[in-house]
Amino acid sequence: SFEPIQTMKNFGDAVTSVAVADSVQVLGGSV
């Protein structure tokens, strides 16, 4: 599939940076 398997739309503005910790923790920084 070319579609995302999961989407997190919890931000109020653009997501500028992502990082991964412990393989299962996803972090995002936003405007």
PDB file of all heavy atoms in Angstrom:
ATOM      1  N   SER A   1       0.830  -1.200   0.000  1.00  0.00           N
ATOM      2  CA  SER A   1       0.000   0.000   0.000  1.00  0.00           C
ATOM      3  C   SER A   1       0.864   1.251   0.000  1.00  0.00           C
ATOM      4  O   SER A   1       1.948   1.289   0.592  1.00  0.00           O
ATOM      5  CB  SER A   1      -0.905   0.011   1.230  1.00  0.00           C
ATOM      6  OG  SER A   1      -1.590   1.249   1.336  1.00  0.00           O
ATOM      7  N   PHE A   2       0.383   2.295  -0.677  1.00  0.00           N
ATOM      8  CA  PHE A   2       1.085   3.562  -0.724  1.00  0.00           C
ATOM      9  C   PHE A   2       0.491   4.562   0.272  1.00  0.00           C
ATOM     10  O   PHE A   2       0.937   5.692   0.350  1.00  0.00           O
ATOM     11  CB  PHE A   2       1.017   4.152  -2.135  1.00  0.00           C
ATOM     12  CG  PHE A   2       1.666   3.284  -3.171  1.00  0.00           C
ATOM     13  CD1 PHE A   2       0.906   2.493  -4.022  1.00  0.00           C
ATOM     14  CD2 PHE A   2       3.047   3.239  -3.290  1.00  0.00           C
ATOM     15  CE1 PHE A   2       1.505   1.694  -4.977  1.00  0.00           C
ATOM     16  CE2 PHE A   2       3.658   2.434  -4.238  1.00  0.00           C
ATOM     17  CZ  PHE A   2       2.891   1.657  -5.090  1.00  0.00           C
ATOM     18  N   GLU A   3      -0.533   4.123   1.023  1.00  0.00           N
ATOM     19  CA  GLU A   3      -1.206   4.998   1.974  1.00  0.00           C
ATOM     20  C   GLU A   3      -0.593   4.835   3.365  1.00  0.00           C
ATOM     21  O   GLU A   3      -0.063   3.774   3.712  1.00  0.00           O
ATOM     22  CB  GLU A   3      -2.701   4.666   2.020  1.00  0.00           C
ATOM     23  CG  GLU A   3      -3.416   4.834   0.696  1.00  0.00           C
ATOM     24  CD  GLU A   3      -3.367   6.259   0.194  1.00  0.00           C
ATOM     25  OE1 GLU A   3      -3.510   7.181   1.017  1.00  0.00           O
ATOM     26  OE2 GLU A   3      -3.184   6.468  -1.025  1.00  0.00           O
ATOM     27  N   PRO A   4      -0.685   5.867   4.213  1.00  0.00           N
ATOM     28  CA  PRO A   4      -0.164   5.743   5.577  1.00  0.00           C
ATOM     29  C   PRO A   4      -0.970   4.734   6.384  1.00  0.00           C
ATOM     30  O   PRO A   4      -2.176   4.588   6.191  1.00  0.00           O
ATOM     31  CB  PRO A   4      -0.313   7.164   6.140  1.00  0.00           C
ATOM     32  CG  PRO A   4      -1.360   7.809   5.296  1.00  0.00           C
ATOM     33  CD  PRO A   4      -1.229   7.217   3.939  1.00  0.00           C
ATOM     34  N   ILE A   5      -0.292   4.040   7.296  1.00  0.00           N
ATOM     35  CA  ILE A   5      -0.974   3.068   8.151  1.00  0.00           C
ATOM     36  C   ILE A   5      -1.532   3.718   9.401  1.00  0.00           C
ATOM     37  O   ILE A   5      -2.396   3.154  10.068  1.00  0.00           O
ATOM     38  CB  ILE A   5      -0.039   1.910   8.537  1.00  0.00           C
ATOM     39  CG1 ILE A   5       1.232   2.451   9.208  1.00  0.00           C
ATOM     40  CG2 ILE A   5       0.324   1.080   7.306  1.00  0.00           C
ATOM     41  CD1 ILE A   5       2.134   1.368   9.771  1.00  0.00           C
ATOM     42  N   GLN A   6      -1.053   4.909   9.720  1.00  0.00           N
ATOM     43  CA  GLN A   6      -1.572   5.632  10.877  1.00  0.00           C
ATOM     44  C   GLN A   6      -1.293   7.114  10.703  1.00  0.00           C
ATOM     45  O   GLN A   6      -0.251   7.506  10.167  1.00  0.00           O
ATOM     46  CB  GLN A   6      -0.921   5.130  12.181  1.00  0.00           C
ATOM     47  CG  GLN A   6      -1.572   5.667  13.436  1.00  0.00           C
ATOM     48  CD  GLN A   6      -1.069   4.966  14.701  1.00  0.00           C
ATOM     49  OE1 GLN A   6      -0.373   3.943  14.618  1.00  0.00           O
ATOM     50  NE2 GLN A   6      -1.405   5.490  15.845  1.00  0.00           N
ATOM     51  N   THR A   7      -2.228   7.944  11.150  1.00  0.00           N
ATOM     52  CA  THR A   7      -2.091   9.393  11.058  1.00  0.00           C
ATOM     53  C   THR A   7      -2.440  10.023  12.392  1.00  0.00           C
ATOM     54  O   THR A   7      -3.478   9.706  12.981  1.00  0.00           O
ATOM     55  CB  THR A   7      -3.006   9.968   9.960  1.00  0.00           C
ATOM     56  OG1 THR A   7      -2.642   9.397   8.697  1.00  0.00           O
ATOM     57  CG2 THR A   7      -2.863  11.482   9.873  1.00  0.00           C
ATOM     58  N   MET A   8      -1.558  10.893  12.902  1.00  0.00           N
ATOM     59  CA  MET A   8      -1.818  11.637  14.128  1.00  0.00           C
ATOM     60  C   MET A   8      -2.053  13.093  13.764  1.00  0.00           C
ATOM     61  O   MET A   8      -1.121  13.820  13.435  1.00  0.00           O
ATOM     62  CB  MET A   8      -0.638  11.545  15.095  1.00  0.00           C
ATOM     63  CG  MET A   8      -0.359  10.148  15.609  1.00  0.00           C
ATOM     64  SD  MET A   8       0.675   9.158  14.553  1.00  0.00           S
ATOM     65  CE  MET A   8       1.685   8.315  15.749  1.00  0.00           C
ATOM     66  N   LYS A   9      -3.295  13.527  13.821  1.00  0.00           N
ATOM     67  CA  LYS A   9      -3.656  14.905  13.457  1.00  0.00           C
ATOM     68  C   LYS A   9      -4.047  15.669  14.714  1.00  0.00           C
ATOM     69  O   LYS A   9      -5.153  16.202  14.836  1.00  0.00           O
ATOM     70  CB  LYS A   9      -4.791  14.909  12.436  1.00  0.00           C
ATOM     71  CG  LYS A   9      -4.470  14.134  11.159  1.00  0.00           C
ATOM     72  CD  LYS A   9      -5.499  14.360  10.070  1.00  0.00           C
ATOM     73  CE  LYS A   9      -5.351  15.722   9.455  1.00  0.00           C
ATOM     74  NZ  LYS A   9      -6.177  15.897   8.231  1.00  0.00           N
ATOM     75  N   ASN A  10      -3.104  15.717  15.669  1.00  0.00           N
ATOM     76  CA  ASN A  10      -3.383  16.337  16.959  1.00  0.00           C
ATOM     77  C   ASN A  10      -2.750  17.713  17.104  1.00  0.00           C
ATOM     78  O   ASN A  10      -2.859  18.330  18.157  1.00  0.00           O
ATOM     79  CB  ASN A  10      -2.861  15.435  18.083  1.00  0.00           C
ATOM     80  CG  ASN A  10      -3.405  14.020  18.018  1.00  0.00           C
ATOM     81  OD1 ASN A  10      -2.766  13.144  17.433  1.00  0.00           O
ATOM     82  ND2 ASN A  10      -4.569  13.797  18.586  1.00  0.00           N
ATOM     83  N   PHE A  11      -2.102  18.179  16.059  1.00  0.00           N
ATOM     84  CA  PHE A  11      -1.384  19.449  16.153  1.00  0.00           C
ATOM     85  C   PHE A  11      -2.248  20.602  15.650  1.00  0.00           C
ATOM     86  O   PHE A  11      -3.134  20.426  14.820  1.00  0.00           O
ATOM     87  CB  PHE A  11      -0.089  19.374  15.335  1.00  0.00           C
ATOM     88  CG  PHE A  11       0.890  18.346  15.846  1.00  0.00           C
ATOM     89  CD1 PHE A  11       0.835  17.037  15.388  1.00  0.00           C
ATOM     90  CD2 PHE A  11       1.852  18.687  16.776  1.00  0.00           C
ATOM     91  CE1 PHE A  11       1.728  16.080  15.850  1.00  0.00           C
ATOM     92  CE2 PHE A  11       2.754  17.739  17.243  1.00  0.00           C
ATOM     93  CZ  PHE A  11       2.697  16.439  16.785  1.00  0.00           C
ATOM     94  N   GLY A  12      -1.929  21.804  16.144  1.00  0.00           N
ATOM     95  CA  GLY A  12      -2.666  22.985  15.732  1.00  0.00           C
ATOM     96  C   GLY A  12      -1.978  23.785  14.649  1.00  0.00           C
ATOM     97  O   GLY A  12      -2.507  24.801  14.194  1.00  0.00           O
ATOM     98  N   ASP A  13      -0.796  23.316  14.220  1.00  0.00           N
ATOM     99  CA  ASP A  13      -0.057  23.997  13.154  1.00  0.00           C
ATOM    100  C   ASP A  13       0.931  22.993  12.561  1.00  0.00           C
ATOM    101  O   ASP A  13       0.933  21.821  12.935  1.00  0.00           O
ATOM    102  CB  ASP A  13       0.669  25.231  13.699  1.00  0.00           C
ATOM    103  CG  ASP A  13       0.830  26.331  12.641  1.00  0.00           C
ATOM    104  OD1 ASP A  13       1.069  25.980  11.470  1.00  0.00           O
ATOM    105  OD2 ASP A  13       0.726  27.528  12.995  1.00  0.00           O
ATOM    106  N   ALA A  14       1.783  23.458  11.666  1.00  0.00           N
ATOM    107  CA  ALA A  14       2.701  22.577  10.951  1.00  0.00           C
ATOM    108  C   ALA A  14       3.606  21.797  11.897  1.00  0.00           C
ATOM    109  O   ALA A  14       4.076  22.324  12.912  1.00  0.00           O
ATOM    110  CB  ALA A  14       3.549  23.397   9.987  1.00  0.00           C
ATOM    111  N   VAL A  15       3.850  20.529  11.550  1.00  0.00           N
ATOM    112  CA  VAL A  15       4.832  19.701  12.254  1.00  0.00           C
ATOM    113  C   VAL A  15       6.173  19.919  11.567  1.00  0.00           C
ATOM    114  O   VAL A  15       6.317  19.661  10.373  1.00  0.00           O
ATOM    115  CB  VAL A  15       4.438  18.213  12.218  1.00  0.00           C
ATOM    116  CG1 VAL A  15       5.496  17.370  12.933  1.00  0.00           C
ATOM    117  CG2 VAL A  15       3.069  17.999  12.846  1.00  0.00           C
ATOM    118  N   THR A  16       7.142  20.413  12.322  1.00  0.00           N
ATOM    119  CA  THR A  16       8.434  20.770  11.740  1.00  0.00           C
ATOM    120  C   THR A  16       9.485  19.692  11.913  1.00  0.00           C
ATOM    121  O   THR A  16      10.445  19.620  11.137  1.00  0.00           O
ATOM    122  CB  THR A  16       8.958  22.062  12.382  1.00  0.00           C
ATOM    123  OG1 THR A  16       8.980  21.883  13.812  1.00  0.00           O
ATOM    124  CG2 THR A  16       8.074  23.245  12.027  1.00  0.00           C
ATOM    125  N   SER A  17       9.331  18.845  12.931  1.00  0.00           N
ATOM    126  CA  SER A  17      10.379  17.877  13.237  1.00  0.00           C
ATOM    127  C   SER A  17       9.781  16.646  13.896  1.00  0.00           C
ATOM    128  O   SER A  17       8.857  16.754  14.710  1.00  0.00           O
ATOM    129  CB  SER A  17      11.418  18.517  14.173  1.00  0.00           C
ATOM    130  OG  SER A  17      12.470  17.622  14.457  1.00  0.00           O
ATOM    131  N   VAL A  18      10.297  15.468  13.530  1.00  0.00           N
ATOM    132  CA  VAL A  18       9.886  14.219  14.179  1.00  0.00           C
ATOM    133  C   VAL A  18      11.128  13.492  14.684  1.00  0.00           C
ATOM    134  O   VAL A  18      12.239  13.674  14.176  1.00  0.00           O
ATOM    135  CB  VAL A  18       9.092  13.293  13.226  1.00  0.00           C
ATOM    136  CG1 VAL A  18       7.798  13.954  12.792  1.00  0.00           C
ATOM    137  CG2 VAL A  18       9.937  12.877  12.027  1.00  0.00           C
ATOM    138  N   ALA A  19      10.935  12.676  15.712  1.00  0.00           N
ATOM    139  CA  ALA A  19      12.005  11.849  16.264  1.00  0.00           C
ATOM    140  C   ALA A  19      11.382  10.572  16.794  1.00  0.00           C
ATOM    141  O   ALA A  19      10.177  10.510  17.052  1.00  0.00           O
ATOM    142  CB  ALA A  19      12.752  12.594  17.376  1.00  0.00           C
ATOM    143  N   VAL A  20      12.209   9.550  16.947  1.00  0.00           N
ATOM    144  CA  VAL A  20      11.746   8.250  17.425  1.00  0.00           C
ATOM    145  C   VAL A  20      12.593   7.838  18.626  1.00  0.00           C
ATOM    146  O   VAL A  20      13.820   7.985  18.609  1.00  0.00           O
ATOM    147  CB  VAL A  20      11.838   7.175  16.323  1.00  0.00           C
ATOM    148  CG1 VAL A  20      11.447   5.809  16.854  1.00  0.00           C
ATOM    149  CG2 VAL A  20      10.954   7.556  15.143  1.00  0.00           C
ATOM    150  N   ALA A  21      11.939   7.355  19.674  1.00  0.00           N
ATOM    151  CA  ALA A  21      12.633   6.870  20.869  1.00  0.00           C
ATOM    152  C   ALA A  21      12.106   5.484  21.216  1.00  0.00           C
ATOM    153  O   ALA A  21      10.900   5.221  21.119  1.00  0.00           O
ATOM    154  CB  ALA A  21      12.415   7.829  22.042  1.00  0.00           C
ATOM    155  N   ASP A  22      12.993   4.599  21.603  1.00  0.00           N
ATOM    156  CA  ASP A  22      12.622   3.245  22.023  1.00  0.00           C
ATOM    157  C   ASP A  22      11.814   2.507  20.962  1.00  0.00           C
ATOM    158  O   ASP A  22      11.000   1.638  21.302  1.00  0.00           O
ATOM    159  CB  ASP A  22      11.822   3.285  23.341  1.00  0.00           C
ATOM    160  CG  ASP A  22      12.596   3.961  24.460  1.00  0.00           C
ATOM    161  OD1 ASP A  22      13.822   3.810  24.483  1.00  0.00           O
ATOM    162  OD2 ASP A  22      11.959   4.644  25.286  1.00  0.00           O
ATOM    163  N   SER A  23      11.987   2.888  19.727  1.00  0.00           N
ATOM    164  CA  SER A  23      11.386   2.215  18.574  1.00  0.00           C
ATOM    165  C   SER A  23       9.874   2.387  18.467  1.00  0.00           C
ATOM    166  O   SER A  23       9.326   2.318  17.385  1.00  0.00           O
ATOM    167  CB  SER A  23      11.721   0.713  18.591  1.00  0.00           C
ATOM    168  OG  SER A  23      11.353   0.096  17.397  1.00  0.00           O
ATOM    169  N   VAL A  24       9.171   2.615  19.590  1.00  0.00           N
ATOM    170  CA  VAL A  24       7.711   2.694  19.537  1.00  0.00           C
ATOM    171  C   VAL A  24       7.187   4.055  19.974  1.00  0.00           C
ATOM    172  O   VAL A  24       5.980   4.304  19.917  1.00  0.00           O
ATOM    173  CB  VAL A  24       7.057   1.593  20.405  1.00  0.00           C
ATOM    174  CG1 VAL A  24       7.364   0.219  19.838  1.00  0.00           C
ATOM    175  CG2 VAL A  24       7.483   1.695  21.861  1.00  0.00           C
ATOM    176  N   GLN A  25       8.055   4.944  20.427  1.00  0.00           N
ATOM    177  CA  GLN A  25       7.638   6.282  20.822  1.00  0.00           C
ATOM    178  C   GLN A  25       7.964   7.258  19.697  1.00  0.00           C
ATOM    179  O   GLN A  25       9.116   7.382  19.276  1.00  0.00           O
ATOM    180  CB  GLN A  25       8.340   6.723  22.111  1.00  0.00           C
ATOM    181  CG  GLN A  25       7.812   6.052  23.358  1.00  0.00           C
ATOM    182  CD  GLN A  25       8.453   6.626  24.607  1.00  0.00           C
ATOM    183  OE1 GLN A  25       9.653   6.890  24.632  1.00  0.00           O
ATOM    184  NE2 GLN A  25       7.669   6.823  25.644  1.00  0.00           N
ATOM    185  N   VAL A  26       6.939   7.942  19.219  1.00  0.00           N
ATOM    186  CA  VAL A  26       7.099   8.930  18.153  1.00  0.00           C
ATOM    187  C   VAL A  26       6.914  10.315  18.756  1.00  0.00           C
ATOM    188  O   VAL A  26       5.939  10.567  19.472  1.00  0.00           O
ATOM    189  CB  VAL A  26       6.075   8.692  17.030  1.00  0.00           C
ATOM    190  CG1 VAL A  26       6.150   9.803  15.993  1.00  0.00           C
ATOM    191  CG2 VAL A  26       6.299   7.332  16.378  1.00  0.00           C
ATOM    192  N   LEU A  27       7.840  11.204  18.481  1.00  0.00           N
ATOM    193  CA  LEU A  27       7.775  12.569  18.988  1.00  0.00           C
ATOM    194  C   LEU A  27       7.670  13.546  17.831  1.00  0.00           C
ATOM    195  O   LEU A  27       8.256  13.326  16.768  1.00  0.00           O
ATOM    196  CB  LEU A  27       9.013  12.908  19.828  1.00  0.00           C
ATOM    197  CG  LEU A  27       9.218  12.142  21.130  1.00  0.00           C
ATOM    198  CD1 LEU A  27       9.974  10.843  20.884  1.00  0.00           C
ATOM    199  CD2 LEU A  27       9.968  12.992  22.145  1.00  0.00           C
ATOM    200  N   GLY A  28       6.936  14.630  18.051  1.00  0.00           N
ATOM    201  CA  GLY A  28       6.791  15.652  17.032  1.00  0.00           C
ATOM    202  C   GLY A  28       6.847  17.037  17.633  1.00  0.00           C
ATOM    203  O   GLY A  28       6.254  17.288  18.688  1.00  0.00           O
ATOM    204  N   GLY A  29       7.586  17.934  16.973  1.00  0.00           N
ATOM    205  CA  GLY A  29       7.607  19.336  17.370  1.00  0.00           C
ATOM    206  C   GLY A  29       6.847  20.159  16.355  1.00  0.00           C
ATOM    207  O   GLY A  29       6.880  19.873  15.153  1.00  0.00           O
ATOM    208  N   SER A  30       6.158  21.198  16.816  1.00  0.00           N
ATOM    209  CA  SER A  30       5.241  21.917  15.933  1.00  0.00           C
ATOM    210  C   SER A  30       5.320  23.425  16.124  1.00  0.00           C
ATOM    211  O   SER A  30       5.718  23.927  17.186  1.00  0.00           O
ATOM    212  CB  SER A  30       3.802  21.450  16.184  1.00  0.00           C
ATOM    213  OG  SER A  30       2.868  22.245  15.483  1.00  0.00           O
ATOM    214  N   VAL A  31       4.904  24.133  15.076  1.00  0.00           N
ATOM    215  CA  VAL A  31       4.790  25.587  15.135  1.00  0.00           C
ATOM    216  C   VAL A  31       3.723  26.012  16.142  1.00  0.00           C
ATOM    217  O   VAL A  31       3.715  27.164  16.596  1.00  0.00           O
ATOM    218  CB  VAL A  31       4.476  26.145  13.723  1.00  0.00           C
ATOM    219  CG1 VAL A  31       4.310  27.654  13.734  1.00  0.00           C
ATOM    220  CG2 VAL A  31       5.588  25.759  12.746  1.00  0.00           C
TER     221      VAL A  31
END
